[in-house]
Amino acid sequence: MDQIKSKLGHGGLLLGAMGIISILLSIFNYNIRLLAWVDLWGNTMGWVIRILLIVGGGALYWFFGSTEEE
């Protein structure tokens, strides 16, 4: 069970990192190929999805990132 929690934490870290990188690259009119669909619904919705990636990834990392119990 700890292995699954660890993988969820790493997946959350990856989602958050992809959201941050996508925001940084969108400033220069580039995008990650995996997230190219984000801007299909418009600029505002693209920003909402990027922010949700960061918040969702951060939440996954917060809840499942640390497998050590006190």
PDB file of N, CA and C in Angstrom:
ATOM      1  N   MET A   1       0.818  -1.195   0.000  1.00  0.00           N
ATOM      2  CA  MET A   1       0.000   0.000   0.000  1.00  0.00           C
ATOM      3  C   MET A   1       0.864   1.263   0.000  1.00  0.00           C
ATOM      4  N   ASP A   2       2.001   1.211   0.700  1.00  0.00           N
ATOM      5  CA  ASP A   2       2.898   2.362   0.725  1.00  0.00           C
ATOM      6  C   ASP A   2       3.489   2.633  -0.649  1.00  0.00           C
ATOM      7  N   GLN A   3       3.663   1.589  -1.447  1.00  0.00           N
ATOM      8  CA  GLN A   3       4.216   1.766  -2.787  1.00  0.00           C
ATOM      9  C   GLN A   3       3.234   2.541  -3.671  1.00  0.00           C
ATOM     10  N   ILE A   4       1.949   2.267  -3.527  1.00  0.00           N
ATOM     11  CA  ILE A   4       0.933   2.983  -4.308  1.00  0.00           C
ATOM     12  C   ILE A   4       0.878   4.449  -3.883  1.00  0.00           C
ATOM     13  N   LYS A   5       0.942   4.697  -2.564  1.00  0.00           N
ATOM     14  CA  LYS A   5       0.931   6.076  -2.084  1.00  0.00           C
ATOM     15  C   LYS A   5       2.152   6.837  -2.586  1.00  0.00           C
ATOM     16  N   SER A   6       3.282   6.167  -2.619  1.00  0.00           N
ATOM     17  CA  SER A   6       4.506   6.801  -3.106  1.00  0.00           C
ATOM     18  C   SER A   6       4.380   7.159  -4.580  1.00  0.00           C
ATOM     19  N   LYS A   7       3.803   6.252  -5.361  1.00  0.00           N
ATOM     20  CA  LYS A   7       3.628   6.522  -6.788  1.00  0.00           C
ATOM     21  C   LYS A   7       2.624   7.653  -7.022  1.00  0.00           C
ATOM     22  N   LEU A   8       1.578   7.739  -6.197  1.00  0.00           N
ATOM     23  CA  LEU A   8       0.638   8.852  -6.305  1.00  0.00           C
ATOM     24  C   LEU A   8       1.322  10.173  -5.970  1.00  0.00           C
ATOM     25  N   GLY A   9       2.184  10.152  -4.977  1.00  0.00           N
ATOM     26  CA  GLY A   9       2.929  11.359  -4.627  1.00  0.00           C
ATOM     27  C   GLY A   9       3.849  11.806  -5.747  1.00  0.00           C
ATOM     28  N   HIS A  10       4.546  10.840  -6.366  1.00  0.00           N
ATOM     29  CA  HIS A  10       5.426  11.180  -7.484  1.00  0.00           C
ATOM     30  C   HIS A  10       4.622  11.644  -8.699  1.00  0.00           C
ATOM     31  N   GLY A  11       3.463  11.039  -8.918  1.00  0.00           N
ATOM     32  CA  GLY A  11       2.588  11.480 -10.012  1.00  0.00           C
ATOM     33  C   GLY A  11       2.082  12.898  -9.788  1.00  0.00           C
ATOM     34  N   GLY A  12       1.758  13.227  -8.545  1.00  0.00           N
ATOM     35  CA  GLY A  12       1.343  14.587  -8.211  1.00  0.00           C
ATOM     36  C   GLY A  12       2.456  15.589  -8.436  1.00  0.00           C
ATOM     37  N   LEU A  13       3.674  15.189  -8.080  1.00  0.00           N
ATOM     38  CA  LEU A  13       4.826  16.049  -8.319  1.00  0.00           C
ATOM     39  C   LEU A  13       5.029  16.278  -9.816  1.00  0.00           C
ATOM     40  N   LEU A  14       4.843  15.235 -10.604  1.00  0.00           N
ATOM     41  CA  LEU A  14       4.966  15.349 -12.049  1.00  0.00           C
ATOM     42  C   LEU A  14       3.883  16.257 -12.630  1.00  0.00           C
ATOM     43  N   LEU A  15       2.640  16.108 -12.170  1.00  0.00           N
ATOM     44  CA  LEU A  15       1.551  16.975 -12.652  1.00  0.00           C
ATOM     45  C   LEU A  15       1.812  18.432 -12.318  1.00  0.00           C
ATOM     46  N   GLY A  16       2.237  18.689 -11.098  1.00  0.00           N
ATOM     47  CA  GLY A  16       2.532  20.060 -10.702  1.00  0.00           C
ATOM     48  C   GLY A  16       3.674  20.654 -11.509  1.00  0.00           C
ATOM     49  N   ALA A  17       4.720  19.858 -11.727  1.00  0.00           N
ATOM     50  CA  ALA A  17       5.863  20.334 -12.510  1.00  0.00           C
ATOM     51  C   ALA A  17       5.458  20.611 -13.953  1.00  0.00           C
ATOM     52  N   MET A  18       4.621  19.743 -14.514  1.00  0.00           N
ATOM     53  CA  MET A  18       4.167  19.969 -15.898  1.00  0.00           C
ATOM     54  C   MET A  18       3.331  21.237 -15.987  1.00  0.00           C
ATOM     55  N   GLY A  19       2.508  21.507 -14.963  1.00  0.00           N
ATOM     56  CA  GLY A  19       1.721  22.737 -14.958  1.00  0.00           C
ATOM     57  C   GLY A  19       2.591  23.969 -14.885  1.00  0.00           C
ATOM     58  N   ILE A  20       3.616  23.939 -14.023  1.00  0.00           N
ATOM     59  CA  ILE A  20       4.520  25.083 -13.893  1.00  0.00           C
ATOM     60  C   ILE A  20       5.321  25.285 -15.170  1.00  0.00           C
ATOM     61  N   ILE A  21       5.841  24.197 -15.730  1.00  0.00           N
ATOM     62  CA  ILE A  21       6.610  24.302 -16.972  1.00  0.00           C
ATOM     63  C   ILE A  21       5.719  24.798 -18.109  1.00  0.00           C
ATOM     64  N   SER A  22       4.473  24.341 -18.135  1.00  0.00           N
ATOM     65  CA  SER A  22       3.548  24.788 -19.174  1.00  0.00           C
ATOM     66  C   SER A  22       3.276  26.281 -19.064  1.00  0.00           C
ATOM     67  N   ILE A  23       3.152  26.788 -17.838  1.00  0.00           N
ATOM     68  CA  ILE A  23       2.941  28.225 -17.650  1.00  0.00           C
ATOM     69  C   ILE A  23       4.169  28.999 -18.110  1.00  0.00           C
ATOM     70  N   LEU A  24       5.348  28.528 -17.717  1.00  0.00           N
ATOM     71  CA  LEU A  24       6.570  29.225 -18.117  1.00  0.00           C
ATOM     72  C   LEU A  24       6.757  29.211 -19.627  1.00  0.00           C
ATOM     73  N   LEU A  25       6.475  28.089 -20.267  1.00  0.00           N
ATOM     74  CA  LEU A  25       6.648  28.006 -21.718  1.00  0.00           C
ATOM     75  C   LEU A  25       5.573  28.782 -22.475  1.00  0.00           C
ATOM     76  N   SER A  26       4.369  28.889 -21.898  1.00  0.00           N
ATOM     77  CA  SER A  26       3.306  29.617 -22.592  1.00  0.00           C
ATOM     78  C   SER A  26       3.624  31.106 -22.682  1.00  0.00           C
ATOM     79  N   ILE A  27       4.461  31.599 -21.784  1.00  0.00           N
ATOM     80  CA  ILE A  27       4.875  32.997 -21.863  1.00  0.00           C
ATOM     81  C   ILE A  27       5.645  33.242 -23.164  1.00  0.00           C
ATOM     82  N   PHE A  28       6.395  32.232 -23.618  1.00  0.00           N
ATOM     83  CA  PHE A  28       7.187  32.343 -24.840  1.00  0.00           C
ATOM     84  C   PHE A  28       6.503  31.694 -26.047  1.00  0.00           C
ATOM     85  N   ASN A  29       5.185  31.443 -25.942  1.00  0.00           N
ATOM     86  CA  ASN A  29       4.369  30.832 -26.997  1.00  0.00           C
ATOM     87  C   ASN A  29       4.820  29.419 -27.364  1.00  0.00           C
ATOM     88  N   TYR A  30       5.330  28.681 -26.397  1.00  0.00           N
ATOM     89  CA  TYR A  30       5.642  27.266 -26.567  1.00  0.00           C
ATOM     90  C   TYR A  30       4.714  26.472 -25.662  1.00  0.00           C
ATOM     91  N   ASN A  31       4.679  25.164 -25.863  1.00  0.00           N
ATOM     92  CA  ASN A  31       3.863  24.313 -25.007  1.00  0.00           C
ATOM     93  C   ASN A  31       4.440  22.902 -24.999  1.00  0.00           C
ATOM     94  N   ILE A  32       4.177  22.194 -23.936  1.00  0.00           N
ATOM     95  CA  ILE A  32       4.554  20.793 -23.850  1.00  0.00           C
ATOM     96  C   ILE A  32       3.623  20.007 -24.769  1.00  0.00           C
ATOM     97  N   ARG A  33       4.160  19.108 -25.557  1.00  0.00           N
ATOM     98  CA  ARG A  33       3.351  18.382 -26.535  1.00  0.00           C
ATOM     99  C   ARG A  33       2.204  17.621 -25.867  1.00  0.00           C
ATOM    100  N   LEU A  34       2.457  17.095 -24.680  1.00  0.00           N
ATOM    101  CA  LEU A  34       1.431  16.350 -23.954  1.00  0.00           C
ATOM    102  C   LEU A  34       0.283  17.263 -23.524  1.00  0.00           C
ATOM    103  N   LEU A  35       0.565  18.538 -23.341  1.00  0.00           N
ATOM    104  CA  LEU A  35      -0.459  19.491 -22.913  1.00  0.00           C
ATOM    105  C   LEU A  35      -0.892  20.448 -24.017  1.00  0.00           C
ATOM    106  N   ALA A  36      -0.719  20.076 -25.254  1.00  0.00           N
ATOM    107  CA  ALA A  36      -1.092  20.950 -26.368  1.00  0.00           C
ATOM    108  C   ALA A  36      -2.611  21.137 -26.447  1.00  0.00           C
ATOM    109  N   TRP A  37      -3.371  20.195 -25.943  1.00  0.00           N
ATOM    110  CA  TRP A  37      -4.823  20.274 -25.988  1.00  0.00           C
ATOM    111  C   TRP A  37      -5.381  21.331 -25.042  1.00  0.00           C
ATOM    112  N   VAL A  38      -4.563  21.818 -24.120  1.00  0.00           N
ATOM    113  CA  VAL A  38      -5.035  22.756 -23.107  1.00  0.00           C
ATOM    114  C   VAL A  38      -5.603  24.029 -23.727  1.00  0.00           C
ATOM    115  N   ASP A  39      -4.982  24.529 -24.769  1.00  0.00           N
ATOM    116  CA  ASP A  39      -5.404  25.795 -25.359  1.00  0.00           C
ATOM    117  C   ASP A  39      -6.472  25.642 -26.435  1.00  0.00           C
ATOM    118  N   LEU A  40      -6.996  24.464 -26.639  1.00  0.00           N
ATOM    119  CA  LEU A  40      -8.045  24.275 -27.651  1.00  0.00           C
ATOM    120  C   LEU A  40      -9.347  24.978 -27.275  1.00  0.00           C
ATOM    121  N   TRP A  41      -9.587  25.161 -25.975  1.00  0.00           N
ATOM    122  CA  TRP A  41     -10.830  25.780 -25.524  1.00  0.00           C
ATOM    123  C   TRP A  41     -10.682  27.263 -25.245  1.00  0.00           C
ATOM    124  N   GLY A  42      -9.588  27.827 -25.658  1.00  0.00           N
ATOM    125  CA  GLY A  42      -9.376  29.255 -25.460  1.00  0.00           C
ATOM    126  C   GLY A  42      -8.272  29.528 -24.451  1.00  0.00           C
ATOM    127  N   ASN A  43      -7.861  30.760 -24.423  1.00  0.00           N
ATOM    128  CA  ASN A  43      -6.744  31.160 -23.580  1.00  0.00           C
ATOM    129  C   ASN A  43      -7.095  31.087 -22.093  1.00  0.00           C
ATOM    130  N   THR A  44      -8.289  31.564 -21.737  1.00  0.00           N
ATOM    131  CA  THR A  44      -8.686  31.575 -20.329  1.00  0.00           C
ATOM    132  C   THR A  44      -8.821  30.164 -19.782  1.00  0.00           C
ATOM    133  N   MET A  45      -9.456  29.294 -20.533  1.00  0.00           N
ATOM    134  CA  MET A  45      -9.614  27.913 -20.082  1.00  0.00           C
ATOM    135  C   MET A  45      -8.262  27.205 -20.007  1.00  0.00           C
ATOM    136  N   GLY A  46      -7.346  27.555 -20.891  1.00  0.00           N
ATOM    137  CA  GLY A  46      -5.999  26.994 -20.829  1.00  0.00           C
ATOM    138  C   GLY A  46      -5.302  27.359 -19.530  1.00  0.00           C
ATOM    139  N   TRP A  47      -5.449  28.611 -19.103  1.00  0.00           N
ATOM    140  CA  TRP A  47      -4.850  29.029 -17.835  1.00  0.00           C
ATOM    141  C   TRP A  47      -5.516  28.342 -16.649  1.00  0.00           C
ATOM    142  N   VAL A  48      -6.828  28.171 -16.726  1.00  0.00           N
ATOM    143  CA  VAL A  48      -7.542  27.478 -15.642  1.00  0.00           C
ATOM    144  C   VAL A  48      -7.050  26.042 -15.527  1.00  0.00           C
ATOM    145  N   ILE A  49      -6.883  25.349 -16.641  1.00  0.00           N
ATOM    146  CA  ILE A  49      -6.408  23.964 -16.624  1.00  0.00           C
ATOM    147  C   ILE A  49      -4.982  23.894 -16.091  1.00  0.00           C
ATOM    148  N   ARG A  50      -4.138  24.826 -16.487  1.00  0.00           N
ATOM    149  CA  ARG A  50      -2.755  24.841 -15.974  1.00  0.00           C
ATOM    150  C   ARG A  50      -2.730  25.031 -14.463  1.00  0.00           C
ATOM    151  N   ILE A  51      -3.537  25.945 -13.966  1.00  0.00           N
ATOM    152  CA  ILE A  51      -3.583  26.188 -12.523  1.00  0.00           C
ATOM    153  C   ILE A  51      -4.152  24.980 -11.794  1.00  0.00           C
ATOM    154  N   LEU A  52      -5.166  24.334 -12.384  1.00  0.00           N
ATOM    155  CA  LEU A  52      -5.718  23.123 -11.771  1.00  0.00           C
ATOM    156  C   LEU A  52      -4.698  21.984 -11.744  1.00  0.00           C
ATOM    157  N   LEU A  53      -3.848  21.899 -12.753  1.00  0.00           N
ATOM    158  CA  LEU A  53      -2.777  20.901 -12.742  1.00  0.00           C
ATOM    159  C   LEU A  53      -1.826  21.139 -11.576  1.00  0.00           C
ATOM    160  N   ILE A  54      -1.484  22.378 -11.357  1.00  0.00           N
ATOM    161  CA  ILE A  54      -0.566  22.693 -10.268  1.00  0.00           C
ATOM    162  C   ILE A  54      -1.216  22.420  -8.913  1.00  0.00           C
ATOM    163  N   VAL A  55      -2.459  22.856  -8.747  1.00  0.00           N
ATOM    164  CA  VAL A  55      -3.149  22.653  -7.470  1.00  0.00           C
ATOM    165  C   VAL A  55      -3.415  21.165  -7.220  1.00  0.00           C
ATOM    166  N   GLY A  56      -3.890  20.460  -8.251  1.00  0.00           N
ATOM    167  CA  GLY A  56      -4.153  19.027  -8.099  1.00  0.00           C
ATOM    168  C   GLY A  56      -2.883  18.228  -7.852  1.00  0.00           C
ATOM    169  N   GLY A  57      -1.833  18.554  -8.574  1.00  0.00           N
ATOM    170  CA  GLY A  57      -0.557  17.871  -8.368  1.00  0.00           C
ATOM    171  C   GLY A  57       0.019  18.155  -6.995  1.00  0.00           C
ATOM    172  N   GLY A  58      -0.107  19.408  -6.557  1.00  0.00           N
ATOM    173  CA  GLY A  58       0.358  19.761  -5.217  1.00  0.00           C
ATOM    174  C   GLY A  58      -0.426  19.038  -4.131  1.00  0.00           C
ATOM    175  N   ALA A  59      -1.736  18.910  -4.332  1.00  0.00           N
ATOM    176  CA  ALA A  59      -2.563  18.190  -3.351  1.00  0.00           C
ATOM    177  C   ALA A  59      -2.183  16.715  -3.291  1.00  0.00           C
ATOM    178  N   LEU A  60      -1.974  16.093  -4.449  1.00  0.00           N
ATOM    179  CA  LEU A  60      -1.553  14.688  -4.454  1.00  0.00           C
ATOM    180  C   LEU A  60      -0.212  14.517  -3.755  1.00  0.00           C
ATOM    181  N   TYR A  61       0.708  15.433  -4.027  1.00  0.00           N
ATOM    182  CA  TYR A  61       2.018  15.337  -3.389  1.00  0.00           C
ATOM    183  C   TYR A  61       1.915  15.596  -1.885  1.00  0.00           C
ATOM    184  N   TRP A  62       1.065  16.523  -1.495  1.00  0.00           N
ATOM    185  CA  TRP A  62       0.888  16.852  -0.082  1.00  0.00           C
ATOM    186  C   TRP A  62       0.328  15.654   0.688  1.00  0.00           C
ATOM    187  N   PHE A  63      -0.674  14.988   0.124  1.00  0.00           N
ATOM    188  CA  PHE A  63      -1.322  13.893   0.840  1.00  0.00           C
ATOM    189  C   PHE A  63      -0.575  12.572   0.719  1.00  0.00           C
ATOM    190  N   PHE A  64       0.066  12.317  -0.411  1.00  0.00           N
ATOM    191  CA  PHE A  64       0.671  11.003  -0.645  1.00  0.00           C
ATOM    192  C   PHE A  64       2.186  11.038  -0.834  1.00  0.00           C
ATOM    193  N   GLY A  65       2.802  12.217  -0.805  1.00  0.00           N
ATOM    194  CA  GLY A  65       4.223  12.322  -1.082  1.00  0.00           C
ATOM    195  C   GLY A  65       5.103  11.729  -0.003  1.00  0.00           C
ATOM    196  N   SER A  66       4.725  11.924   1.247  1.00  0.00           N
ATOM    197  CA  SER A  66       5.521  11.421   2.365  1.00  0.00           C
ATOM    198  C   SER A  66       4.915  10.124   2.857  1.00  0.00           C
ATOM    199  N   THR A  67       5.674   9.039   2.777  1.00  0.00           N
ATOM    200  CA  THR A  67       5.156   7.741   3.210  1.00  0.00           C
ATOM    201  C   THR A  67       5.516   7.429   4.655  1.00  0.00           C
ATOM    202  N   GLU A  68       6.306   8.309   5.287  1.00  0.00           N
ATOM    203  CA  GLU A  68       6.687   8.081   6.677  1.00  0.00           C
ATOM    204  C   GLU A  68       5.543   8.475   7.594  1.00  0.00           C
ATOM    205  N   GLU A  69       5.208   7.600   8.515  1.00  0.00           N
ATOM    206  CA  GLU A  69       4.166   7.899   9.488  1.00  0.00           C
ATOM    207  C   GLU A  69       4.836   8.177  10.822  1.00  0.00           C
ATOM    208  N   GLU A  70       4.262   9.129  11.549  1.00  0.00           N
ATOM    209  CA  GLU A  70       4.860   9.492  12.840  1.00  0.00           C
ATOM    210  C   GLU A  70       4.330   8.621  13.944  1.00  0.00           C
TER     211      GLU A  70
END
